[in-house]
């Protein structure tokens, strides 16, 4: 039996009192996302990254389906890179159709245990098939009526890469429910917020309604992105999920 050095979990949205382990012994946790067809919200991404932070697993973002991006989408991707990379999260752009970003991803994942998670329909299986030639995971097109993904992966599987790494492929999820974070520790899992919080007047500041809050000042001044602050508040308020 292999010792479990870490793991990452999510709250079951349908069964709110239960949690699901979606991977263990992970070196890097990637949230596979798409800016269109379907769109992945930054709130969903932040919930995934904060959960990875809670278990001290380095997180990263893969924007997939790059072959369908127009100039406006490319500009949006550039904005997300400018947002997340200074915080410490690498942002990759990839396509299993054009091959864009594939070699960069392979180099990043070499010799590591890499977890892939994300919405149904973001192309995780197609991307993994490209990263591991001959694997032939089942894929499916989006639902034309709702532009939502169809589940093709029903349970987590680990696949070997030619460069010595591994990919843990997890079932697509439509919502990401965080575990029950301690109220006063939520900010610890947002590195950008936690770094600024040291300037707050009160040690137990929740960065919500307190006076002399360095975090709220940083949000007002644009030093912390409002989207990140909004994601923090949604977890702080106990919202169970974020689509």
C-alpha atoms as a PDB file:
ATOM      1  CA  UNK A   1       0.000   0.000   0.000  1.00  0.00           C
ATOM      2  CA  UNK A   2       1.300   3.476  -0.954  1.00  0.00           C
ATOM      3  CA  UNK A   3       1.156   6.176   1.700  1.00  0.00           C
ATOM      4  CA  UNK A   4      -1.133   9.082   0.838  1.00  0.00           C
ATOM      5  CA  UNK A   5       0.983  12.257   0.933  1.00  0.00           C
ATOM      6  CA  UNK A   6      -1.878  14.539  -0.098  1.00  0.00           C
ATOM      7  CA  UNK A   7      -5.263  14.559  -1.761  1.00  0.00           C
ATOM      8  CA  UNK A   8      -7.805  16.994  -3.123  1.00  0.00           C
ATOM      9  CA  UNK A   9     -11.524  16.838  -2.424  1.00  0.00           C
ATOM     10  CA  UNK A  10     -14.730  18.606  -3.342  1.00  0.00           C
ATOM     11  CA  UNK A  11     -18.065  18.759  -1.596  1.00  0.00           C
ATOM     12  CA  UNK A  12     -20.737  16.673  -3.278  1.00  0.00           C
ATOM     13  CA  UNK A  13     -23.275  19.220  -4.499  1.00  0.00           C
ATOM     14  CA  UNK A  14     -26.192  16.805  -4.524  1.00  0.00           C
ATOM     15  CA  UNK A  15     -25.212  15.291  -1.176  1.00  0.00           C
ATOM     16  CA  UNK A  16     -24.024  18.383   0.669  1.00  0.00           C
ATOM     17  CA  UNK A  17     -22.831  16.497   3.760  1.00  0.00           C
ATOM     18  CA  UNK A  18     -20.547  14.244   1.789  1.00  0.00           C
ATOM     19  CA  UNK A  19     -17.181  14.921   0.190  1.00  0.00           C
ATOM     20  CA  UNK A  20     -15.510  13.254  -2.760  1.00  0.00           C
ATOM     21  CA  UNK A  21     -11.778  12.599  -3.037  1.00  0.00           C
ATOM     22  CA  UNK A  22     -10.941  13.400  -6.659  1.00  0.00           C
ATOM     23  CA  UNK A  23      -7.240  12.565  -6.533  1.00  0.00           C
ATOM     24  CA  UNK A  24      -4.326  11.706  -4.232  1.00  0.00           C
ATOM     25  CA  UNK A  25      -0.502  11.871  -4.208  1.00  0.00           C
ATOM     26  CA  UNK A  26      -0.587  14.800  -6.628  1.00  0.00           C
ATOM     27  CA  UNK A  27       2.346  16.958  -7.723  1.00  0.00           C
ATOM     28  CA  UNK A  28       0.292  19.455  -9.750  1.00  0.00           C
ATOM     29  CA  UNK A  29      -3.472  20.059  -9.993  1.00  0.00           C
ATOM     30  CA  UNK A  30      -4.643  21.521 -13.293  1.00  0.00           C
ATOM     31  CA  UNK A  31      -8.085  22.998 -13.772  1.00  0.00           C
ATOM     32  CA  UNK A  32      -8.918  22.534 -17.450  1.00  0.00           C
ATOM     33  CA  UNK A  33     -11.120  25.419 -18.539  1.00  0.00           C
ATOM     34  CA  UNK A  34     -12.629  26.977 -21.651  1.00  0.00           C
ATOM     35  CA  UNK A  35     -13.470  30.655 -22.168  1.00  0.00           C
ATOM     36  CA  UNK A  36     -16.212  29.664 -24.635  1.00  0.00           C
ATOM     37  CA  UNK A  37     -18.153  26.525 -25.611  1.00  0.00           C
ATOM     38  CA  UNK A  38     -18.771  26.149 -22.656  1.00  0.00           C
ATOM     39  CA  UNK A  39     -17.523  29.109 -20.610  1.00  0.00           C
ATOM     40  CA  UNK A  40     -15.742  28.363 -17.333  1.00  0.00           C
ATOM     41  CA  UNK A  41     -16.290  31.073 -14.737  1.00  0.00           C
ATOM     42  CA  UNK A  42     -13.403  32.552 -12.793  1.00  0.00           C
ATOM     43  CA  UNK A  43     -15.347  31.700  -9.646  1.00  0.00           C
ATOM     44  CA  UNK A  44     -15.161  28.001 -10.524  1.00  0.00           C
ATOM     45  CA  UNK A  45     -11.434  28.310 -11.185  1.00  0.00           C
ATOM     46  CA  UNK A  46     -10.858  30.136  -7.886  1.00  0.00           C
ATOM     47  CA  UNK A  47     -12.704  27.477  -5.908  1.00  0.00           C
ATOM     48  CA  UNK A  48     -10.569  24.765  -7.446  1.00  0.00           C
ATOM     49  CA  UNK A  49      -7.340  26.671  -6.821  1.00  0.00           C
ATOM     50  CA  UNK A  50      -8.259  27.526  -3.221  1.00  0.00           C
ATOM     51  CA  UNK A  51      -9.011  23.863  -2.510  1.00  0.00           C
ATOM     52  CA  UNK A  52      -5.637  22.891  -3.971  1.00  0.00           C
ATOM     53  CA  UNK A  53      -4.039  25.541  -1.727  1.00  0.00           C
ATOM     54  CA  UNK A  54      -5.771  24.048   1.308  1.00  0.00           C
ATOM     55  CA  UNK A  55      -3.970  20.761   0.655  1.00  0.00           C
ATOM     56  CA  UNK A  56      -0.672  22.406  -0.386  1.00  0.00           C
ATOM     57  CA  UNK A  57      -0.923  21.166  -3.968  1.00  0.00           C
ATOM     58  CA  UNK A  58       0.442  23.537  -6.618  1.00  0.00           C
ATOM     59  CA  UNK A  59      -2.374  24.586  -8.914  1.00  0.00           C
ATOM     60  CA  UNK A  60      -2.395  25.713 -12.546  1.00  0.00           C
ATOM     61  CA  UNK A  61      -4.872  26.633 -15.272  1.00  0.00           C
ATOM     62  CA  UNK A  62      -5.159  25.172 -18.770  1.00  0.00           C
ATOM     63  CA  UNK A  63      -7.293  27.181 -21.184  1.00  0.00           C
ATOM     64  CA  UNK A  64      -8.288  24.533 -23.707  1.00  0.00           C
ATOM     65  CA  UNK A  65      -9.767  24.638 -27.245  1.00  0.00           C
ATOM     66  CA  UNK A  66      -7.392  27.396 -28.356  1.00  0.00           C
ATOM     67  CA  UNK A  67      -8.157  26.577 -32.005  1.00  0.00           C
ATOM     68  CA  UNK A  68     -11.571  28.292 -31.725  1.00  0.00           C
ATOM     69  CA  UNK A  69     -10.404  31.524 -30.065  1.00  0.00           C
ATOM     70  CA  UNK A  70     -10.926  34.828 -31.866  1.00  0.00           C
ATOM     71  CA  UNK A  71      -9.064  38.026 -31.057  1.00  0.00           C
ATOM     72  CA  UNK A  72     -11.435  39.033 -28.256  1.00  0.00           C
ATOM     73  CA  UNK A  73     -11.062  35.643 -26.560  1.00  0.00           C
ATOM     74  CA  UNK A  74      -7.275  35.829 -26.920  1.00  0.00           C
ATOM     75  CA  UNK A  75      -7.399  39.226 -25.228  1.00  0.00           C
ATOM     76  CA  UNK A  76      -9.448  37.737 -22.380  1.00  0.00           C
ATOM     77  CA  UNK A  77      -6.932  34.903 -21.985  1.00  0.00           C
ATOM     78  CA  UNK A  78      -4.122  37.462 -21.807  1.00  0.00           C
ATOM     79  CA  UNK A  79      -6.017  39.248 -19.026  1.00  0.00           C
ATOM     80  CA  UNK A  80      -6.311  36.026 -17.035  1.00  0.00           C
ATOM     81  CA  UNK A  81      -2.585  35.391 -17.444  1.00  0.00           C
ATOM     82  CA  UNK A  82      -1.912  38.887 -16.105  1.00  0.00           C
ATOM     83  CA  UNK A  83      -4.232  38.125 -13.176  1.00  0.00           C
ATOM     84  CA  UNK A  84      -3.147  34.634 -12.120  1.00  0.00           C
ATOM     85  CA  UNK A  85       0.538  34.315 -12.975  1.00  0.00           C
ATOM     86  CA  UNK A  86       1.703  37.087 -10.578  1.00  0.00           C
ATOM     87  CA  UNK A  87      -0.185  35.222  -7.831  1.00  0.00           C
ATOM     88  CA  UNK A  88       1.827  32.089  -8.629  1.00  0.00           C
ATOM     89  CA  UNK A  89      -0.499  30.088 -10.883  1.00  0.00           C
ATOM     90  CA  UNK A  90       0.838  29.180 -14.310  1.00  0.00           C
ATOM     91  CA  UNK A  91      -1.629  29.652 -17.146  1.00  0.00           C
ATOM     92  CA  UNK A  92      -1.349  27.433 -20.215  1.00  0.00           C
ATOM     93  CA  UNK A  93      -3.158  27.684 -23.547  1.00  0.00           C
ATOM     94  CA  UNK A  94      -3.696  24.439 -25.434  1.00  0.00           C
ATOM     95  CA  UNK A  95      -5.538  22.757 -28.279  1.00  0.00           C
ATOM     96  CA  UNK A  96      -5.896  19.093 -29.138  1.00  0.00           C
ATOM     97  CA  UNK A  97      -6.824  20.152 -32.694  1.00  0.00           C
ATOM     98  CA  UNK A  98      -3.964  22.507 -33.611  1.00  0.00           C
ATOM     99  CA  UNK A  99      -1.434  21.164 -31.109  1.00  0.00           C
ATOM    100  CA  UNK A 100      -0.884  24.622 -29.618  1.00  0.00           C
ATOM    101  CA  UNK A 101       0.757  24.503 -26.189  1.00  0.00           C
ATOM    102  CA  UNK A 102       1.090  20.720 -26.122  1.00  0.00           C
ATOM    103  CA  UNK A 103       4.897  20.566 -25.966  1.00  0.00           C
ATOM    104  CA  UNK A 104       4.956  23.195 -23.204  1.00  0.00           C
ATOM    105  CA  UNK A 105       2.454  21.137 -21.204  1.00  0.00           C
ATOM    106  CA  UNK A 106       4.419  17.912 -21.728  1.00  0.00           C
ATOM    107  CA  UNK A 107       7.564  19.572 -20.436  1.00  0.00           C
ATOM    108  CA  UNK A 108       5.736  20.940 -17.405  1.00  0.00           C
ATOM    109  CA  UNK A 109       4.183  17.579 -16.566  1.00  0.00           C
ATOM    110  CA  UNK A 110       7.256  15.408 -17.107  1.00  0.00           C
ATOM    111  CA  UNK A 111       7.986  13.089 -14.195  1.00  0.00           C
ATOM    112  CA  UNK A 112       5.052  14.361 -12.130  1.00  0.00           C
ATOM    113  CA  UNK A 113       1.646  13.107 -11.042  1.00  0.00           C
ATOM    114  CA  UNK A 114      -0.752  15.574 -12.653  1.00  0.00           C
ATOM    115  CA  UNK A 115      -4.453  15.832 -11.914  1.00  0.00           C
ATOM    116  CA  UNK A 116      -6.881  17.183 -14.534  1.00  0.00           C
ATOM    117  CA  UNK A 117     -10.268  18.462 -13.405  1.00  0.00           C
ATOM    118  CA  UNK A 118     -12.886  20.766 -14.886  1.00  0.00           C
ATOM    119  CA  UNK A 119     -16.364  21.144 -16.278  1.00  0.00           C
ATOM    120  CA  UNK A 120     -17.880  18.508 -18.515  1.00  0.00           C
ATOM    121  CA  UNK A 121     -17.306  19.591 -22.091  1.00  0.00           C
ATOM    122  CA  UNK A 122     -13.998  21.457 -21.704  1.00  0.00           C
ATOM    123  CA  UNK A 123     -12.177  18.785 -23.712  1.00  0.00           C
ATOM    124  CA  UNK A 124     -10.201  17.041 -20.974  1.00  0.00           C
ATOM    125  CA  UNK A 125     -10.377  13.655 -22.670  1.00  0.00           C
ATOM    126  CA  UNK A 126      -9.408  15.037 -26.096  1.00  0.00           C
ATOM    127  CA  UNK A 127      -6.487  16.909 -24.532  1.00  0.00           C
ATOM    128  CA  UNK A 128      -5.277  13.810 -22.688  1.00  0.00           C
ATOM    129  CA  UNK A 129      -5.566  11.758 -25.900  1.00  0.00           C
ATOM    130  CA  UNK A 130      -3.242  14.274 -27.575  1.00  0.00           C
ATOM    131  CA  UNK A 131      -0.804  14.262 -24.651  1.00  0.00           C
ATOM    132  CA  UNK A 132      -0.764  10.453 -24.603  1.00  0.00           C
ATOM    133  CA  UNK A 133      -0.954   9.181 -28.216  1.00  0.00           C
ATOM    134  CA  UNK A 134      -2.818   5.905 -28.606  1.00  0.00           C
ATOM    135  CA  UNK A 135      -4.800   6.227 -25.393  1.00  0.00           C
ATOM    136  CA  UNK A 136      -8.116   6.818 -27.197  1.00  0.00           C
ATOM    137  CA  UNK A 137     -10.265   7.965 -24.299  1.00  0.00           C
ATOM    138  CA  UNK A 138     -13.935   8.295 -25.188  1.00  0.00           C
ATOM    139  CA  UNK A 139     -14.952  11.823 -26.218  1.00  0.00           C
ATOM    140  CA  UNK A 140     -18.268  13.494 -26.991  1.00  0.00           C
ATOM    141  CA  UNK A 141     -19.573  16.734 -28.500  1.00  0.00           C
ATOM    142  CA  UNK A 142     -21.395  19.398 -26.493  1.00  0.00           C
ATOM    143  CA  UNK A 143     -25.133  19.247 -26.024  1.00  0.00           C
ATOM    144  CA  UNK A 144     -26.401  21.543 -28.804  1.00  0.00           C
ATOM    145  CA  UNK A 145     -29.403  22.654 -26.759  1.00  0.00           C
ATOM    146  CA  UNK A 146     -27.639  23.776 -23.570  1.00  0.00           C
ATOM    147  CA  UNK A 147     -23.962  24.045 -24.620  1.00  0.00           C
ATOM    148  CA  UNK A 148     -23.046  21.767 -21.739  1.00  0.00           C
ATOM    149  CA  UNK A 149     -20.720  18.826 -21.739  1.00  0.00           C
ATOM    150  CA  UNK A 150     -21.717  15.182 -21.805  1.00  0.00           C
ATOM    151  CA  UNK A 151     -19.988  12.986 -19.218  1.00  0.00           C
ATOM    152  CA  UNK A 152     -17.512  10.637 -20.896  1.00  0.00           C
ATOM    153  CA  UNK A 153     -15.289   9.897 -17.869  1.00  0.00           C
ATOM    154  CA  UNK A 154     -17.254   8.226 -15.084  1.00  0.00           C
ATOM    155  CA  UNK A 155     -14.488   7.600 -12.543  1.00  0.00           C
ATOM    156  CA  UNK A 156     -10.943   8.805 -11.916  1.00  0.00           C
ATOM    157  CA  UNK A 157      -8.217   6.993 -13.862  1.00  0.00           C
ATOM    158  CA  UNK A 158      -4.430   7.349 -13.913  1.00  0.00           C
ATOM    159  CA  UNK A 159      -2.623   7.178 -17.249  1.00  0.00           C
ATOM    160  CA  UNK A 160       1.132   6.920 -17.904  1.00  0.00           C
ATOM    161  CA  UNK A 161       2.890   9.499 -20.058  1.00  0.00           C
ATOM    162  CA  UNK A 162       5.847   8.769 -22.309  1.00  0.00           C
ATOM    163  CA  UNK A 163       7.998  11.264 -20.367  1.00  0.00           C
ATOM    164  CA  UNK A 164       7.590   9.397 -17.085  1.00  0.00           C
ATOM    165  CA  UNK A 165       4.709  11.487 -15.761  1.00  0.00           C
ATOM    166  CA  UNK A 166       1.134  10.518 -15.046  1.00  0.00           C
ATOM    167  CA  UNK A 167      -2.264  12.123 -15.629  1.00  0.00           C
ATOM    168  CA  UNK A 168      -5.164  11.519 -13.270  1.00  0.00           C
ATOM    169  CA  UNK A 169      -8.283  12.035 -15.370  1.00  0.00           C
ATOM    170  CA  UNK A 170     -11.336  12.893 -13.263  1.00  0.00           C
ATOM    171  CA  UNK A 171     -15.030  12.948 -14.215  1.00  0.00           C
ATOM    172  CA  UNK A 172     -16.285  16.284 -15.511  1.00  0.00           C
ATOM    173  CA  UNK A 173     -18.126  18.367 -12.927  1.00  0.00           C
ATOM    174  CA  UNK A 174     -20.688  21.119 -13.467  1.00  0.00           C
ATOM    175  CA  UNK A 175     -20.242  22.693 -10.029  1.00  0.00           C
ATOM    176  CA  UNK A 176     -17.390  22.801  -7.519  1.00  0.00           C
ATOM    177  CA  UNK A 177     -18.367  22.759  -3.859  1.00  0.00           C
ATOM    178  CA  UNK A 178     -15.578  23.582  -1.437  1.00  0.00           C
ATOM    179  CA  UNK A 179     -14.995  21.722   1.792  1.00  0.00           C
ATOM    180  CA  UNK A 180     -16.027  23.408   5.023  1.00  0.00           C
ATOM    181  CA  UNK A 181     -13.154  25.854   5.375  1.00  0.00           C
ATOM    182  CA  UNK A 182     -12.701  27.482   8.761  1.00  0.00           C
ATOM    183  CA  UNK A 183     -14.077  31.012   8.392  1.00  0.00           C
ATOM    184  CA  UNK A 184     -10.858  32.621   9.568  1.00  0.00           C
ATOM    185  CA  UNK A 185      -8.712  30.474   7.272  1.00  0.00           C
ATOM    186  CA  UNK A 186     -10.463  31.101   3.951  1.00  0.00           C
ATOM    187  CA  UNK A 187      -8.151  34.005   3.125  1.00  0.00           C
ATOM    188  CA  UNK A 188      -5.138  31.720   3.686  1.00  0.00           C
ATOM    189  CA  UNK A 189      -6.114  29.853   0.523  1.00  0.00           C
ATOM    190  CA  UNK A 190      -6.065  33.029  -1.602  1.00  0.00           C
ATOM    191  CA  UNK A 191      -2.342  33.926  -1.712  1.00  0.00           C
ATOM    192  CA  UNK A 192      -2.959  37.397  -3.127  1.00  0.00           C
ATOM    193  CA  UNK A 193      -5.455  38.239  -0.387  1.00  0.00           C
ATOM    194  CA  UNK A 194      -3.445  36.618   2.401  1.00  0.00           C
ATOM    195  CA  UNK A 195      -0.304  38.571   1.519  1.00  0.00           C
ATOM    196  CA  UNK A 196      -2.145  41.902   1.790  1.00  0.00           C
ATOM    197  CA  UNK A 197      -4.102  40.896   4.906  1.00  0.00           C
ATOM    198  CA  UNK A 198      -0.982  41.353   7.034  1.00  0.00           C
ATOM    199  CA  UNK A 199      -1.654  45.078   6.797  1.00  0.00           C
ATOM    200  CA  UNK A 200      -5.141  44.869   8.306  1.00  0.00           C
ATOM    201  CA  UNK A 201      -5.721  46.556  11.653  1.00  0.00           C
ATOM    202  CA  UNK A 202      -7.245  43.440  13.204  1.00  0.00           C
ATOM    203  CA  UNK A 203      -5.552  40.031  13.191  1.00  0.00           C
ATOM    204  CA  UNK A 204      -8.909  38.274  12.803  1.00  0.00           C
ATOM    205  CA  UNK A 205     -10.123  40.574  10.013  1.00  0.00           C
ATOM    206  CA  UNK A 206     -12.504  38.815   7.617  1.00  0.00           C
ATOM    207  CA  UNK A 207     -12.117  41.576   5.012  1.00  0.00           C
ATOM    208  CA  UNK A 208     -15.862  42.089   4.840  1.00  0.00           C
ATOM    209  CA  UNK A 209     -17.119  44.934   7.013  1.00  0.00           C
ATOM    210  CA  UNK A 210     -14.193  45.703   9.334  1.00  0.00           C
ATOM    211  CA  UNK A 211     -12.579  49.128   9.498  1.00  0.00           C
ATOM    212  CA  UNK A 212      -8.998  49.718   8.365  1.00  0.00           C
ATOM    213  CA  UNK A 213      -9.008  46.592   6.189  1.00  0.00           C
ATOM    214  CA  UNK A 214      -5.962  46.475   3.920  1.00  0.00           C
ATOM    215  CA  UNK A 215      -7.628  43.914   1.649  1.00  0.00           C
ATOM    216  CA  UNK A 216     -10.681  46.054   0.908  1.00  0.00           C
ATOM    217  CA  UNK A 217      -8.380  49.005   0.237  1.00  0.00           C
ATOM    218  CA  UNK A 218      -6.350  46.865  -2.187  1.00  0.00           C
ATOM    219  CA  UNK A 219      -9.548  45.819  -3.994  1.00  0.00           C
ATOM    220  CA  UNK A 220     -10.662  49.452  -4.289  1.00  0.00           C
ATOM    221  CA  UNK A 221      -7.248  50.390  -5.669  1.00  0.00           C
ATOM    222  CA  UNK A 222      -7.176  47.478  -8.118  1.00  0.00           C
ATOM    223  CA  UNK A 223      -4.231  45.711  -6.485  1.00  0.00           C
ATOM    224  CA  UNK A 224      -6.466  42.706  -5.810  1.00  0.00           C
ATOM    225  CA  UNK A 225      -8.832  41.731  -8.632  1.00  0.00           C
ATOM    226  CA  UNK A 226     -12.494  42.117  -7.753  1.00  0.00           C
ATOM    227  CA  UNK A 227     -13.181  38.675  -9.247  1.00  0.00           C
ATOM    228  CA  UNK A 228     -10.802  37.114  -6.713  1.00  0.00           C
ATOM    229  CA  UNK A 229     -12.336  39.078  -3.846  1.00  0.00           C
ATOM    230  CA  UNK A 230     -15.826  38.068  -5.004  1.00  0.00           C
ATOM    231  CA  UNK A 231     -14.770  34.392  -5.065  1.00  0.00           C
ATOM    232  CA  UNK A 232     -13.374  34.777  -1.557  1.00  0.00           C
ATOM    233  CA  UNK A 233     -16.649  36.300  -0.317  1.00  0.00           C
ATOM    234  CA  UNK A 234     -18.723  33.544  -1.920  1.00  0.00           C
ATOM    235  CA  UNK A 235     -16.795  30.894   0.040  1.00  0.00           C
ATOM    236  CA  UNK A 236     -16.859  33.007   3.187  1.00  0.00           C
ATOM    237  CA  UNK A 237     -20.648  33.311   2.949  1.00  0.00           C
ATOM    238  CA  UNK A 238     -21.019  29.539   2.703  1.00  0.00           C
ATOM    239  CA  UNK A 239     -22.221  29.223  -0.861  1.00  0.00           C
ATOM    240  CA  UNK A 240     -21.984  25.526  -1.635  1.00  0.00           C
ATOM    241  CA  UNK A 241     -20.935  25.696  -5.259  1.00  0.00           C
ATOM    242  CA  UNK A 242     -19.884  27.825  -8.136  1.00  0.00           C
ATOM    243  CA  UNK A 243     -20.687  26.913 -11.744  1.00  0.00           C
END
